[in-house]
């Protein structure tokens, strides 16, 4: 009988549980600290969703310029944040996502959505705090000339999301436009 052989059974199990408990304790304290450091960096993510007001389907490949600033909600200042603007197009889900700089700006706005291809039925400037706290569904002016009505099934916005309903011009709308 070998007396120097390692004991098997309960001793191995106790040592294994002890290691797991130490690892769990370290992770319990380290993960919250690391996640709070990420939140303090100010890189909040915002997702914009463009929805066709006629059909309720996503608007794809729409060029969008996202800007952010601190002055007034009437529009971007002469000297915006050095990290913006971001120029991109919506994906197959009608979305764009981007990170805001630190410190967080007061307003975020979107240009290009009111391009000549769409009716002007909704605002495009939003307070960043409202977007991050609860999400924003942009108000839609129903009944205004050209805007029409929203589809019966409407999307909701989660925190960090902005939902904008846009009505694209139809061929008839293009023909009806006055030429200068």
N, C-alpha and C. Protein backbone atom coordinates (compact mmCIF):
# COMPACT_ATOMS: atom_id res chain seq x y z
N UNK A 1 0.83 -1.16 0.00
CA UNK A 1 0.00 0.00 0.00
C UNK A 1 0.88 1.23 0.00
N UNK A 2 0.59 2.15 -0.87
CA UNK A 2 1.38 3.36 -1.01
C UNK A 2 0.80 4.45 -0.11
N UNK A 3 1.56 4.86 0.90
CA UNK A 3 1.07 5.88 1.84
C UNK A 3 1.23 7.30 1.28
N UNK A 4 2.07 7.46 0.30
CA UNK A 4 2.29 8.79 -0.27
C UNK A 4 1.29 9.13 -1.39
N UNK A 5 0.42 8.29 -1.73
CA UNK A 5 -0.55 8.54 -2.79
C UNK A 5 -1.50 9.66 -2.36
N UNK A 6 -1.91 10.45 -3.31
CA UNK A 6 -2.84 11.56 -3.02
C UNK A 6 -4.19 11.00 -2.62
N UNK A 7 -4.77 11.60 -1.63
CA UNK A 7 -6.10 11.13 -1.23
C UNK A 7 -7.14 11.50 -2.29
N UNK A 8 -8.01 10.63 -2.53
CA UNK A 8 -9.06 10.88 -3.50
C UNK A 8 -10.39 10.96 -2.76
N UNK A 9 -11.37 11.49 -3.47
CA UNK A 9 -12.71 11.51 -2.88
C UNK A 9 -13.05 12.88 -2.33
N UNK A 10 -13.41 12.95 -1.08
CA UNK A 10 -13.94 14.16 -0.46
C UNK A 10 -12.92 15.28 -0.40
N UNK A 11 -11.65 14.99 -0.19
CA UNK A 11 -10.61 16.02 -0.12
C UNK A 11 -10.47 16.77 -1.44
N UNK A 12 -10.51 16.08 -2.55
CA UNK A 12 -10.42 16.70 -3.87
C UNK A 12 -11.64 17.58 -4.12
N UNK A 13 -12.79 17.11 -3.72
CA UNK A 13 -14.02 17.87 -3.91
C UNK A 13 -13.99 19.16 -3.09
N UNK A 14 -13.52 19.11 -1.85
CA UNK A 14 -13.46 20.30 -1.00
C UNK A 14 -12.48 21.31 -1.59
N UNK A 15 -11.33 20.86 -2.06
CA UNK A 15 -10.37 21.78 -2.66
C UNK A 15 -10.94 22.41 -3.92
N UNK A 16 -11.68 21.65 -4.75
CA UNK A 16 -12.29 22.19 -5.97
C UNK A 16 -13.35 23.23 -5.65
N UNK A 17 -14.17 22.99 -4.65
CA UNK A 17 -15.20 23.94 -4.25
C UNK A 17 -14.55 25.20 -3.71
N UNK A 18 -13.48 25.07 -2.98
CA UNK A 18 -12.77 26.22 -2.43
C UNK A 18 -12.25 27.12 -3.55
N UNK A 19 -11.71 26.53 -4.59
CA UNK A 19 -11.22 27.32 -5.73
C UNK A 19 -12.37 28.03 -6.45
N UNK A 20 -13.47 27.35 -6.63
CA UNK A 20 -14.63 27.95 -7.29
C UNK A 20 -15.17 29.11 -6.46
N UNK A 21 -15.20 28.95 -5.14
CA UNK A 21 -15.70 30.02 -4.28
C UNK A 21 -14.78 31.24 -4.33
N UNK A 22 -13.47 31.01 -4.36
CA UNK A 22 -12.54 32.14 -4.45
C UNK A 22 -12.72 32.87 -5.78
N UNK A 23 -12.83 32.11 -6.88
CA UNK A 23 -13.04 32.71 -8.18
C UNK A 23 -14.37 33.47 -8.23
N UNK A 24 -15.42 32.89 -7.67
CA UNK A 24 -16.73 33.55 -7.64
C UNK A 24 -16.68 34.84 -6.84
N UNK A 25 -15.96 34.84 -5.71
CA UNK A 25 -15.84 36.04 -4.89
C UNK A 25 -15.10 37.14 -5.65
N UNK A 26 -14.02 36.79 -6.32
CA UNK A 26 -13.28 37.78 -7.09
C UNK A 26 -14.15 38.35 -8.19
N UNK A 27 -14.85 37.49 -8.93
CA UNK A 27 -15.71 37.98 -10.00
C UNK A 27 -16.86 38.82 -9.48
N UNK A 28 -17.38 38.46 -8.30
CA UNK A 28 -18.48 39.21 -7.70
C UNK A 28 -18.08 40.66 -7.44
N UNK A 29 -16.83 40.90 -7.06
CA UNK A 29 -16.38 42.25 -6.77
C UNK A 29 -15.76 42.95 -7.98
N UNK A 30 -15.15 42.21 -8.88
CA UNK A 30 -14.45 42.82 -10.01
C UNK A 30 -15.41 43.23 -11.12
N UNK A 31 -16.38 42.43 -11.46
CA UNK A 31 -17.29 42.73 -12.58
C UNK A 31 -18.06 44.02 -12.36
N UNK A 32 -18.67 44.27 -11.18
CA UNK A 32 -19.36 45.56 -11.01
C UNK A 32 -18.42 46.76 -11.13
N UNK A 33 -17.19 46.63 -10.66
CA UNK A 33 -16.24 47.74 -10.76
C UNK A 33 -15.91 48.02 -12.23
N UNK A 34 -15.65 46.96 -13.00
CA UNK A 34 -15.34 47.15 -14.41
C UNK A 34 -16.53 47.72 -15.18
N UNK A 35 -17.74 47.27 -14.87
CA UNK A 35 -18.90 47.80 -15.60
C UNK A 35 -19.16 49.25 -15.24
N UNK A 36 -18.90 49.66 -14.00
CA UNK A 36 -19.10 51.07 -13.65
C UNK A 36 -18.05 51.95 -14.31
N UNK A 37 -16.86 51.43 -14.54
CA UNK A 37 -15.85 52.20 -15.25
C UNK A 37 -16.29 52.44 -16.69
N UNK A 38 -16.90 51.45 -17.32
CA UNK A 38 -17.39 51.62 -18.68
C UNK A 38 -18.51 52.63 -18.76
N UNK A 39 -19.38 52.71 -17.73
CA UNK A 39 -20.47 53.67 -17.74
C UNK A 39 -19.96 55.08 -17.52
N UNK A 40 -18.91 55.25 -16.74
CA UNK A 40 -18.40 56.58 -16.46
C UNK A 40 -17.65 57.17 -17.65
N UNK A 41 -17.28 56.33 -18.61
CA UNK A 41 -16.56 56.85 -19.75
C UNK A 41 -17.45 57.70 -20.65
N UNK A 42 -18.78 57.60 -20.52
CA UNK A 42 -19.69 58.45 -21.25
C UNK A 42 -20.01 57.96 -22.65
N UNK A 43 -19.47 56.85 -23.05
CA UNK A 43 -19.74 56.35 -24.40
C UNK A 43 -21.09 55.65 -24.43
N UNK A 44 -22.14 56.44 -24.42
CA UNK A 44 -23.49 55.91 -24.46
C UNK A 44 -23.85 55.60 -25.91
N UNK A 45 -24.52 54.47 -26.12
CA UNK A 45 -24.90 54.05 -27.46
C UNK A 45 -26.33 54.50 -27.75
N UNK A 46 -26.52 55.07 -28.93
CA UNK A 46 -27.85 55.45 -29.39
C UNK A 46 -28.13 54.73 -30.71
N UNK A 47 -29.33 54.20 -30.82
CA UNK A 47 -29.77 53.53 -32.04
C UNK A 47 -30.96 54.28 -32.62
N UNK A 48 -30.87 54.64 -33.88
CA UNK A 48 -31.95 55.30 -34.60
C UNK A 48 -32.62 54.28 -35.50
N UNK A 49 -33.96 54.24 -35.45
CA UNK A 49 -34.73 53.36 -36.34
C UNK A 49 -35.63 54.23 -37.21
N UNK A 50 -35.51 54.09 -38.52
CA UNK A 50 -36.36 54.80 -39.47
C UNK A 50 -37.42 53.83 -39.99
N UNK A 51 -38.69 54.21 -39.82
CA UNK A 51 -39.80 53.35 -40.20
C UNK A 51 -40.65 54.08 -41.24
N UNK A 52 -41.08 53.35 -42.28
CA UNK A 52 -41.97 53.90 -43.29
C UNK A 52 -43.34 54.11 -42.65
N UNK A 53 -43.83 55.35 -42.65
CA UNK A 53 -45.10 55.67 -42.01
C UNK A 53 -46.28 55.05 -42.76
N UNK A 54 -46.12 54.70 -44.01
CA UNK A 54 -47.22 54.08 -44.77
C UNK A 54 -47.34 52.60 -44.45
N UNK A 55 -46.23 51.89 -44.49
CA UNK A 55 -46.27 50.43 -44.39
C UNK A 55 -45.84 49.89 -43.02
N UNK A 56 -45.11 50.69 -42.24
CA UNK A 56 -44.58 50.19 -40.97
C UNK A 56 -43.32 49.39 -41.11
N UNK A 57 -42.76 49.32 -42.33
CA UNK A 57 -41.53 48.56 -42.59
C UNK A 57 -40.32 49.48 -42.43
N UNK A 58 -39.14 48.89 -42.17
CA UNK A 58 -37.92 49.70 -42.03
C UNK A 58 -37.56 50.39 -43.35
N UNK A 59 -37.02 51.60 -43.23
CA UNK A 59 -36.50 52.33 -44.39
C UNK A 59 -35.01 52.01 -44.50
N UNK A 60 -34.62 51.35 -45.57
CA UNK A 60 -33.23 50.92 -45.73
C UNK A 60 -32.48 51.87 -46.66
N UNK A 61 -31.17 51.89 -46.47
CA UNK A 61 -30.24 52.65 -47.32
C UNK A 61 -30.56 54.15 -47.37
N UNK A 62 -31.10 54.69 -46.29
CA UNK A 62 -31.38 56.13 -46.23
C UNK A 62 -30.14 56.82 -45.66
N UNK A 63 -29.56 57.79 -46.39
CA UNK A 63 -28.40 58.48 -45.83
C UNK A 63 -28.80 59.36 -44.65
N UNK A 64 -28.04 59.24 -43.57
CA UNK A 64 -28.32 59.98 -42.33
C UNK A 64 -27.02 60.58 -41.81
N UNK A 65 -27.10 61.83 -41.37
CA UNK A 65 -25.98 62.46 -40.67
C UNK A 65 -26.40 62.69 -39.23
N UNK A 66 -25.69 62.09 -38.28
CA UNK A 66 -25.98 62.26 -36.85
C UNK A 66 -25.02 63.29 -36.28
N UNK A 67 -25.57 64.28 -35.56
CA UNK A 67 -24.75 65.31 -34.90
C UNK A 67 -25.21 65.46 -33.46
N UNK A 68 -24.34 66.00 -32.61
CA UNK A 68 -24.69 66.26 -31.22
C UNK A 68 -24.05 67.57 -30.79
N UNK A 69 -24.71 68.25 -29.85
CA UNK A 69 -24.24 69.57 -29.41
C UNK A 69 -24.85 69.90 -28.07
N UNK A 70 -24.44 71.05 -27.49
CA UNK A 70 -24.90 71.46 -26.16
C UNK A 70 -25.70 72.75 -26.17
N UNK A 71 -25.69 73.53 -27.24
CA UNK A 71 -26.29 74.86 -27.21
C UNK A 71 -27.81 74.83 -27.07
N UNK A 72 -28.54 75.04 -28.12
CA UNK A 72 -30.00 75.08 -28.05
C UNK A 72 -30.58 73.98 -28.92
N UNK A 73 -31.83 73.58 -28.66
CA UNK A 73 -32.41 72.51 -29.47
C UNK A 73 -32.79 72.94 -30.88
N UNK A 74 -32.58 74.21 -31.21
CA UNK A 74 -32.97 74.67 -32.55
C UNK A 74 -32.05 74.15 -33.65
N UNK A 75 -30.88 73.67 -33.30
CA UNK A 75 -30.01 73.11 -34.32
C UNK A 75 -28.56 73.10 -33.89
N UNK A 76 -27.71 72.44 -34.66
CA UNK A 76 -26.30 72.34 -34.29
C UNK A 76 -25.61 73.69 -34.32
N UNK A 77 -24.64 73.90 -33.44
CA UNK A 77 -23.91 75.17 -33.39
C UNK A 77 -22.86 75.27 -34.49
N UNK A 78 -22.21 76.41 -34.53
CA UNK A 78 -21.12 76.59 -35.50
C UNK A 78 -19.93 75.71 -35.18
N UNK A 79 -19.73 75.40 -33.90
CA UNK A 79 -18.58 74.60 -33.47
C UNK A 79 -19.08 73.36 -32.74
N UNK A 80 -19.47 72.30 -33.47
CA UNK A 80 -19.97 71.08 -32.81
C UNK A 80 -18.83 70.31 -32.15
N UNK A 81 -19.18 69.22 -31.52
CA UNK A 81 -18.18 68.36 -30.88
C UNK A 81 -17.17 67.90 -31.93
N UNK A 82 -15.90 67.78 -31.56
CA UNK A 82 -14.89 67.36 -32.54
C UNK A 82 -15.08 65.92 -33.02
N UNK A 83 -15.82 65.09 -32.26
CA UNK A 83 -15.98 63.68 -32.65
C UNK A 83 -17.13 63.45 -33.63
N UNK A 84 -17.86 64.48 -33.98
CA UNK A 84 -19.01 64.29 -34.89
C UNK A 84 -18.82 65.14 -36.11
N UNK A 85 -19.67 65.14 -37.05
CA UNK A 85 -20.84 64.28 -37.18
C UNK A 85 -20.48 62.92 -37.77
N UNK A 86 -21.45 62.01 -37.70
CA UNK A 86 -21.29 60.69 -38.29
C UNK A 86 -22.21 60.63 -39.50
N UNK A 87 -21.65 60.27 -40.65
CA UNK A 87 -22.45 60.13 -41.88
C UNK A 87 -22.48 58.66 -42.25
N UNK A 88 -23.70 58.15 -42.36
CA UNK A 88 -23.87 56.74 -42.67
C UNK A 88 -25.24 56.53 -43.31
N UNK A 89 -25.59 55.29 -43.58
CA UNK A 89 -26.91 54.95 -44.14
C UNK A 89 -27.52 53.85 -43.28
N UNK A 90 -28.85 53.81 -43.26
CA UNK A 90 -29.54 52.79 -42.47
C UNK A 90 -29.29 51.40 -43.06
N UNK A 91 -29.29 50.40 -42.19
CA UNK A 91 -29.04 49.03 -42.61
C UNK A 91 -30.34 48.35 -43.06
N UNK A 92 -30.32 47.03 -43.20
CA UNK A 92 -31.50 46.31 -43.67
C UNK A 92 -32.65 46.36 -42.68
N UNK A 93 -32.36 46.71 -41.41
CA UNK A 93 -33.40 46.85 -40.39
C UNK A 93 -33.83 48.30 -40.22
N UNK A 94 -33.32 49.20 -41.07
CA UNK A 94 -33.67 50.61 -40.97
C UNK A 94 -32.99 51.29 -39.79
N UNK A 95 -31.84 50.79 -39.34
CA UNK A 95 -31.18 51.30 -38.13
C UNK A 95 -29.78 51.81 -38.41
N UNK A 96 -29.37 52.75 -37.55
CA UNK A 96 -27.96 53.12 -37.40
C UNK A 96 -27.70 53.19 -35.90
N UNK A 97 -26.49 52.86 -35.50
CA UNK A 97 -26.09 52.95 -34.09
C UNK A 97 -24.76 53.69 -34.02
N UNK A 98 -24.59 54.47 -32.96
CA UNK A 98 -23.34 55.20 -32.77
C UNK A 98 -23.15 55.49 -31.30
N UNK A 99 -21.90 55.77 -30.93
CA UNK A 99 -21.55 56.10 -29.55
C UNK A 99 -21.42 57.61 -29.40
N UNK A 100 -21.95 58.14 -28.31
CA UNK A 100 -21.81 59.55 -28.01
C UNK A 100 -20.51 59.79 -27.26
N UNK A 101 -19.92 60.97 -27.38
CA UNK A 101 -18.66 61.25 -26.69
C UNK A 101 -18.88 61.53 -25.21
N UNK A 102 -17.78 61.58 -24.49
CA UNK A 102 -17.81 61.97 -23.07
C UNK A 102 -17.22 63.36 -22.96
N UNK A 103 -17.79 64.31 -22.25
CA UNK A 103 -19.06 64.24 -21.54
C UNK A 103 -20.22 64.21 -22.53
N UNK A 104 -21.35 63.69 -22.04
CA UNK A 104 -22.50 63.54 -22.93
C UNK A 104 -23.02 64.90 -23.38
N UNK A 105 -23.37 65.04 -24.65
CA UNK A 105 -23.97 66.29 -25.14
C UNK A 105 -25.42 66.38 -24.67
N UNK A 106 -26.01 67.56 -24.84
CA UNK A 106 -27.41 67.77 -24.43
C UNK A 106 -28.39 67.34 -25.50
N UNK A 107 -28.02 67.49 -26.78
CA UNK A 107 -28.95 67.20 -27.88
C UNK A 107 -28.29 66.34 -28.93
N UNK A 108 -29.12 65.54 -29.60
CA UNK A 108 -28.68 64.78 -30.76
C UNK A 108 -29.69 65.06 -31.87
N UNK A 109 -29.19 65.23 -33.09
CA UNK A 109 -30.06 65.53 -34.22
C UNK A 109 -29.63 64.77 -35.45
N UNK A 110 -30.56 64.64 -36.39
CA UNK A 110 -30.31 63.86 -37.60
C UNK A 110 -30.64 64.69 -38.82
N UNK A 111 -29.68 64.79 -39.72
CA UNK A 111 -29.86 65.52 -40.96
C UNK A 111 -29.92 64.51 -42.09
N UNK A 112 -30.45 64.92 -43.21
CA UNK A 112 -30.52 64.03 -44.36
C UNK A 112 -31.80 63.24 -44.42
N UNK A 113 -32.47 63.05 -43.27
CA UNK A 113 -33.72 62.32 -43.28
C UNK A 113 -34.80 63.17 -43.96
N UNK A 114 -34.68 64.48 -43.83
CA UNK A 114 -35.63 65.38 -44.47
C UNK A 114 -35.19 65.71 -45.88
N UNK A 115 -34.45 64.83 -46.47
CA UNK A 115 -34.00 65.04 -47.84
C UNK A 115 -35.21 65.19 -48.75
N UNK A 116 -35.00 65.55 -49.99
CA UNK A 116 -36.14 65.76 -50.88
C UNK A 116 -36.99 64.52 -51.13
N UNK A 117 -36.62 63.39 -50.56
CA UNK A 117 -37.38 62.16 -50.78
C UNK A 117 -38.48 61.92 -49.75
N UNK A 118 -38.58 62.80 -48.73
CA UNK A 118 -39.51 62.56 -47.63
C UNK A 118 -40.34 63.80 -47.32
N UNK A 119 -41.55 63.57 -46.80
CA UNK A 119 -42.36 64.66 -46.28
C UNK A 119 -41.79 65.09 -44.93
N UNK A 120 -42.03 66.31 -44.53
CA UNK A 120 -41.55 66.82 -43.24
C UNK A 120 -42.66 66.65 -42.20
N UNK A 121 -42.66 65.49 -41.57
CA UNK A 121 -43.76 65.15 -40.65
C UNK A 121 -43.31 64.96 -39.21
N UNK A 122 -42.04 65.07 -38.93
CA UNK A 122 -41.54 64.77 -37.60
C UNK A 122 -40.30 65.61 -37.29
N UNK A 123 -40.05 65.91 -36.00
CA UNK A 123 -38.82 66.63 -35.65
C UNK A 123 -37.62 65.67 -35.68
N UNK A 124 -36.42 66.25 -35.73
CA UNK A 124 -35.22 65.44 -35.81
C UNK A 124 -34.18 65.81 -34.76
N UNK A 125 -34.58 66.55 -33.72
CA UNK A 125 -33.68 66.92 -32.64
C UNK A 125 -34.28 66.40 -31.33
N UNK A 126 -33.44 65.71 -30.52
CA UNK A 126 -33.93 65.07 -29.32
C UNK A 126 -32.97 65.30 -28.15
N UNK A 127 -33.49 65.50 -26.92
CA UNK A 127 -32.62 65.60 -25.74
C UNK A 127 -31.98 64.24 -25.44
N UNK A 128 -30.69 64.24 -25.27
CA UNK A 128 -29.94 62.99 -25.05
C UNK A 128 -30.42 62.30 -23.77
N UNK A 129 -30.68 63.06 -22.71
CA UNK A 129 -31.12 62.45 -21.44
C UNK A 129 -32.42 61.67 -21.61
N UNK A 130 -33.38 62.22 -22.37
CA UNK A 130 -34.64 61.52 -22.61
C UNK A 130 -34.41 60.23 -23.39
N UNK A 131 -33.55 60.30 -24.39
CA UNK A 131 -33.27 59.13 -25.22
C UNK A 131 -32.64 58.02 -24.38
N UNK A 132 -31.66 58.37 -23.56
CA UNK A 132 -30.96 57.36 -22.77
C UNK A 132 -31.83 56.83 -21.63
N UNK A 133 -32.70 57.66 -21.07
CA UNK A 133 -33.52 57.24 -19.94
C UNK A 133 -34.65 56.30 -20.35
N UNK A 134 -35.39 56.65 -21.40
CA UNK A 134 -36.57 55.86 -21.73
C UNK A 134 -36.75 55.59 -23.22
N UNK A 135 -35.92 56.18 -24.07
CA UNK A 135 -36.12 56.06 -25.50
C UNK A 135 -37.16 57.07 -25.97
N UNK A 136 -37.16 57.36 -27.27
CA UNK A 136 -38.06 58.37 -27.81
C UNK A 136 -38.67 57.86 -29.11
N UNK A 137 -39.99 57.98 -29.21
CA UNK A 137 -40.68 57.81 -30.48
C UNK A 137 -41.03 59.22 -30.94
N UNK A 138 -40.45 59.65 -32.05
CA UNK A 138 -40.64 61.03 -32.51
C UNK A 138 -42.11 61.28 -32.81
N UNK A 139 -42.63 62.45 -32.39
CA UNK A 139 -44.02 62.76 -32.70
C UNK A 139 -44.22 62.90 -34.21
N UNK A 140 -45.32 62.36 -34.68
CA UNK A 140 -45.64 62.37 -36.11
C UNK A 140 -46.88 63.23 -36.31
N UNK A 141 -46.80 64.18 -37.25
CA UNK A 141 -47.90 65.09 -37.51
C UNK A 141 -48.88 64.44 -38.47
N UNK A 142 -49.87 63.77 -37.91
CA UNK A 142 -50.87 63.11 -38.75
C UNK A 142 -51.81 64.15 -39.35
N UNK A 143 -52.21 63.91 -40.58
CA UNK A 143 -53.17 64.78 -41.23
C UNK A 143 -52.56 66.00 -41.89
N UNK A 144 -51.31 66.33 -41.57
CA UNK A 144 -50.64 67.44 -42.25
C UNK A 144 -50.51 67.08 -43.73
N UNK A 145 -50.53 68.06 -44.57
CA UNK A 145 -50.47 67.81 -46.01
C UNK A 145 -49.34 66.85 -46.33
N UNK A 146 -49.70 65.71 -46.91
CA UNK A 146 -48.71 64.74 -47.34
C UNK A 146 -48.33 63.71 -46.30
N UNK A 147 -48.56 63.98 -45.02
CA UNK A 147 -48.08 63.06 -43.99
C UNK A 147 -48.96 61.83 -43.83
N UNK A 148 -50.26 61.98 -43.96
CA UNK A 148 -51.15 60.83 -43.84
C UNK A 148 -51.26 60.34 -42.42
N UNK A 149 -51.54 59.06 -42.26
CA UNK A 149 -51.71 58.46 -40.94
C UNK A 149 -50.66 57.38 -40.72
N UNK A 150 -50.38 57.13 -39.43
CA UNK A 150 -49.43 56.07 -39.08
C UNK A 150 -50.09 54.71 -39.19
N UNK A 151 -49.30 53.66 -39.40
CA UNK A 151 -49.88 52.31 -39.42
C UNK A 151 -50.44 51.95 -38.05
N UNK A 152 -51.42 51.03 -37.99
CA UNK A 152 -52.03 50.69 -36.70
C UNK A 152 -51.06 50.06 -35.71
N UNK A 153 -50.10 49.27 -36.19
CA UNK A 153 -49.11 48.67 -35.29
C UNK A 153 -47.90 49.59 -35.26
N UNK A 154 -47.60 50.12 -34.08
CA UNK A 154 -46.50 51.08 -33.95
C UNK A 154 -45.39 50.51 -33.08
N UNK A 155 -44.19 50.90 -33.40
CA UNK A 155 -43.02 50.46 -32.63
C UNK A 155 -42.88 51.30 -31.37
N UNK A 156 -42.29 50.70 -30.35
CA UNK A 156 -41.96 51.43 -29.13
C UNK A 156 -40.44 51.55 -29.05
N UNK A 157 -39.97 52.49 -28.27
CA UNK A 157 -38.54 52.72 -28.14
C UNK A 157 -38.07 52.26 -26.76
N UNK A 158 -37.00 51.51 -26.74
CA UNK A 158 -36.34 51.11 -25.50
C UNK A 158 -35.33 52.20 -25.13
N UNK A 159 -34.83 52.21 -23.90
CA UNK A 159 -33.81 53.19 -23.54
C UNK A 159 -32.63 53.14 -24.51
N UNK A 160 -32.23 54.33 -25.00
CA UNK A 160 -31.14 54.43 -25.96
C UNK A 160 -31.59 54.36 -27.40
N UNK A 161 -32.90 54.25 -27.64
CA UNK A 161 -33.41 54.15 -29.01
C UNK A 161 -34.26 55.35 -29.38
N UNK A 162 -34.20 55.71 -30.66
CA UNK A 162 -35.05 56.74 -31.23
C UNK A 162 -35.77 56.11 -32.42
N UNK A 163 -37.09 56.20 -32.44
CA UNK A 163 -37.89 55.68 -33.54
C UNK A 163 -38.48 56.87 -34.28
N UNK A 164 -38.21 56.95 -35.58
CA UNK A 164 -38.74 58.04 -36.40
C UNK A 164 -39.55 57.43 -37.54
N UNK A 165 -40.81 57.86 -37.63
CA UNK A 165 -41.65 57.47 -38.76
C UNK A 165 -41.50 58.53 -39.84
N UNK A 166 -41.23 58.09 -41.07
CA UNK A 166 -41.06 58.99 -42.20
C UNK A 166 -41.94 58.52 -43.34
N UNK A 167 -42.52 59.46 -44.05
CA UNK A 167 -43.31 59.11 -45.22
C UNK A 167 -42.55 59.50 -46.47
N UNK A 168 -42.10 58.51 -47.25
CA UNK A 168 -41.39 58.82 -48.48
C UNK A 168 -42.35 59.35 -49.54
N UNK A 169 -41.82 60.15 -50.45
CA UNK A 169 -42.61 60.63 -51.58
C UNK A 169 -42.98 59.46 -52.48
N UNK A 170 -44.19 59.50 -53.00
CA UNK A 170 -44.61 58.55 -54.02
C UNK A 170 -44.32 59.17 -55.39
N UNK A 171 -44.51 58.42 -56.44
CA UNK A 171 -44.31 58.98 -57.79
C UNK A 171 -45.30 60.13 -58.03
N UNK A 172 -46.51 59.96 -57.54
CA UNK A 172 -47.51 61.01 -57.69
C UNK A 172 -47.08 62.28 -56.95
N UNK A 173 -46.49 62.12 -55.75
CA UNK A 173 -45.99 63.28 -54.99
C UNK A 173 -44.93 64.03 -55.79
N UNK A 174 -44.06 63.28 -56.46
CA UNK A 174 -43.02 63.91 -57.26
C UNK A 174 -43.63 64.71 -58.42
N UNK A 175 -44.67 64.14 -59.03
CA UNK A 175 -45.30 64.82 -60.16
C UNK A 175 -46.06 66.09 -59.72
N UNK A 176 -46.64 66.06 -58.52
CA UNK A 176 -47.42 67.19 -58.03
C UNK A 176 -46.57 68.37 -57.58
N UNK A 177 -45.31 68.13 -57.30
CA UNK A 177 -44.46 69.22 -56.79
C UNK A 177 -44.37 70.35 -57.80
N UNK A 178 -44.37 71.54 -57.25
CA UNK A 178 -44.21 72.70 -58.11
C UNK A 178 -42.74 72.83 -58.49
N UNK A 179 -42.52 73.22 -59.70
CA UNK A 179 -41.15 73.46 -60.13
C UNK A 179 -40.91 74.97 -60.09
N UNK A 180 -39.75 75.38 -59.63
CA UNK A 180 -39.48 76.82 -59.53
C UNK A 180 -39.32 77.50 -60.87
